[in-house]
Amino acid sequence: MADLLAQGAAWLGEQRGKHLASMVTYRRGASEADLAATFGRTRYEVEDEYGVRVGAEVTDFLVAAADLAPAFGEPEAGDEIVANGAVFEVMALAGQGHWRWSDPHRTTLRIHAKQTGTRT
């Protein structure tokens, strides 16, 4: 019998890519690819050396692993995403890495990034 949850997650991922995504350009060095990405955000807190908790928020890009993998494999810190005229750099969150799976079936990546400038 087929895994209905996996099939449903795949269908939802396709719908997200078709109806809830914008085209972005993913860059690593001189290589780039256009991908459909859904914008998100992650809020996180870190504690400094004095015990003060500092909160921040980063922009997330949800992309289909099948779209990113052929050109780049997994995201790497320092990669760039150009979206809506802004340039975002893939960055690690304190203790959380620079990306994570967004679903249990590992079809969608949630990539953490910070805006570093405008389109170049």
Protein backbone atom coordinates (compact mmCIF):
# COMPACT_ATOMS: atom_id res chain seq x y z
CA MET A 1 0.00 0.00 0.00
CA ALA A 2 1.23 3.49 -0.84
CA ASP A 3 2.26 5.95 1.88
CA LEU A 4 -0.66 8.37 1.77
CA LEU A 5 1.04 10.90 4.03
CA ALA A 6 4.10 11.04 1.77
CA GLN A 7 1.88 11.42 -1.29
CA GLY A 8 -0.11 14.18 0.41
CA ALA A 9 3.06 16.01 1.46
CA ALA A 10 4.40 15.79 -2.09
CA TRP A 11 1.12 17.16 -3.47
CA LEU A 12 1.12 20.02 -0.97
CA GLY A 13 4.73 20.82 -1.85
CA GLU A 14 3.80 21.00 -5.53
CA GLN A 15 0.88 23.32 -4.74
CA ARG A 16 3.14 25.55 -2.63
CA GLY A 17 5.58 25.78 -5.53
CA LYS A 18 2.84 26.59 -8.05
CA HIS A 19 0.67 28.99 -6.08
CA LEU A 20 2.57 30.32 -3.05
CA ALA A 21 6.05 30.88 -4.45
CA SER A 22 8.03 33.53 -6.28
CA MET A 23 10.96 33.01 -8.60
CA VAL A 24 14.34 33.69 -7.00
CA THR A 25 17.91 33.27 -8.20
CA TYR A 26 20.13 30.99 -6.13
CA ARG A 27 23.87 31.69 -6.50
CA ARG A 28 27.03 29.93 -5.43
CA GLY A 29 30.12 31.60 -6.81
CA ALA A 30 29.66 31.98 -10.58
CA SER A 31 26.89 29.34 -10.74
CA GLU A 32 23.24 30.30 -10.47
CA ALA A 33 19.80 28.78 -10.96
CA ASP A 34 16.26 30.13 -10.91
CA LEU A 35 14.00 28.42 -8.35
CA ALA A 36 10.49 28.79 -7.01
CA ALA A 37 10.69 29.79 -3.33
CA THR A 38 8.17 30.62 -0.64
CA PHE A 39 9.17 33.34 1.81
CA GLY A 40 9.12 32.63 5.53
CA ARG A 41 10.86 33.75 8.68
CA THR A 42 12.46 32.26 11.75
CA ARG A 43 12.69 34.04 15.07
CA TYR A 44 15.44 32.97 17.41
CA GLU A 45 17.16 34.01 20.60
CA VAL A 46 20.76 33.77 21.69
CA GLU A 47 22.31 34.50 25.04
CA ASP A 48 25.39 36.73 25.11
CA GLU A 49 28.37 36.32 27.44
CA TYR A 50 26.58 38.38 30.13
CA GLY A 51 23.45 36.24 30.13
CA VAL A 52 21.37 38.76 28.19
CA ARG A 53 18.99 37.17 25.71
CA VAL A 54 18.99 38.85 22.32
CA GLY A 55 16.29 38.12 19.78
CA ALA A 56 16.52 38.34 16.03
CA GLU A 57 14.64 37.30 12.94
CA VAL A 58 15.92 35.97 9.63
CA THR A 59 14.26 35.52 6.26
CA ASP A 60 13.67 31.93 5.22
CA PHE A 61 13.27 30.55 1.73
CA LEU A 62 11.36 27.30 1.32
CA VAL A 63 12.45 25.48 -1.83
CA ALA A 64 11.87 22.00 -3.20
CA ALA A 65 14.92 19.85 -2.59
CA ALA A 66 14.44 18.38 -6.07
CA ASP A 67 14.86 21.87 -7.58
CA LEU A 68 18.02 22.79 -5.67
CA ALA A 69 19.83 19.44 -5.53
CA PRO A 70 20.68 18.97 -9.24
CA ALA A 71 22.58 22.26 -9.42
CA PHE A 72 23.95 22.70 -5.89
CA GLY A 73 23.25 19.76 -3.60
CA GLU A 74 22.61 21.09 -0.10
CA PRO A 75 22.70 24.82 0.70
CA GLU A 76 26.00 26.18 1.97
CA ALA A 77 26.65 29.15 4.22
CA GLY A 78 27.65 32.10 2.04
CA ASP A 79 25.42 31.15 -0.91
CA GLU A 80 23.24 34.01 -2.13
CA ILE A 81 19.56 34.27 -2.97
CA VAL A 82 18.36 37.20 -5.07
CA ALA A 83 14.66 37.94 -4.53
CA ASN A 84 12.56 41.01 -5.31
CA GLY A 85 15.63 43.15 -5.98
CA ALA A 86 17.33 42.22 -2.70
CA VAL A 87 20.35 39.99 -2.09
CA PHE A 88 20.24 37.57 0.84
CA GLU A 89 23.18 35.57 2.18
CA VAL A 90 22.62 32.06 3.49
CA MET A 91 23.64 32.15 7.15
CA ALA A 92 23.72 29.86 10.13
CA LEU A 93 21.51 30.48 13.15
CA ALA A 94 23.22 30.02 16.49
CA GLY A 95 23.14 26.29 17.15
CA GLN A 96 20.62 25.59 14.39
CA GLY A 97 22.62 25.49 11.17
CA HIS A 98 21.90 27.42 7.97
CA TRP A 99 19.08 25.20 6.70
CA ARG A 100 16.78 22.42 7.86
CA TRP A 101 14.20 20.10 6.42
CA SER A 102 10.77 21.68 6.45
CA ASP A 103 8.84 18.43 6.32
CA PRO A 104 9.27 14.87 7.62
CA HIS A 105 9.57 13.45 4.09
CA ARG A 106 12.56 15.66 3.23
CA THR A 107 11.08 17.21 0.13
CA THR A 108 11.33 20.89 1.15
CA LEU A 109 14.34 22.81 2.48
CA ARG A 110 13.99 25.82 4.78
CA ILE A 111 17.04 27.99 4.09
CA HIS A 112 17.94 30.74 6.60
CA ALA A 113 19.28 34.00 5.14
CA LYS A 114 19.88 37.65 5.96
CA GLN A 115 19.56 40.58 3.58
CA THR A 116 22.98 41.92 2.67
CA GLY A 117 22.24 44.33 -0.17
CA THR A 118 20.38 44.96 -3.38
CA ARG A 119 20.56 43.17 -6.73
CA THR A 120 24.01 43.06 -8.24
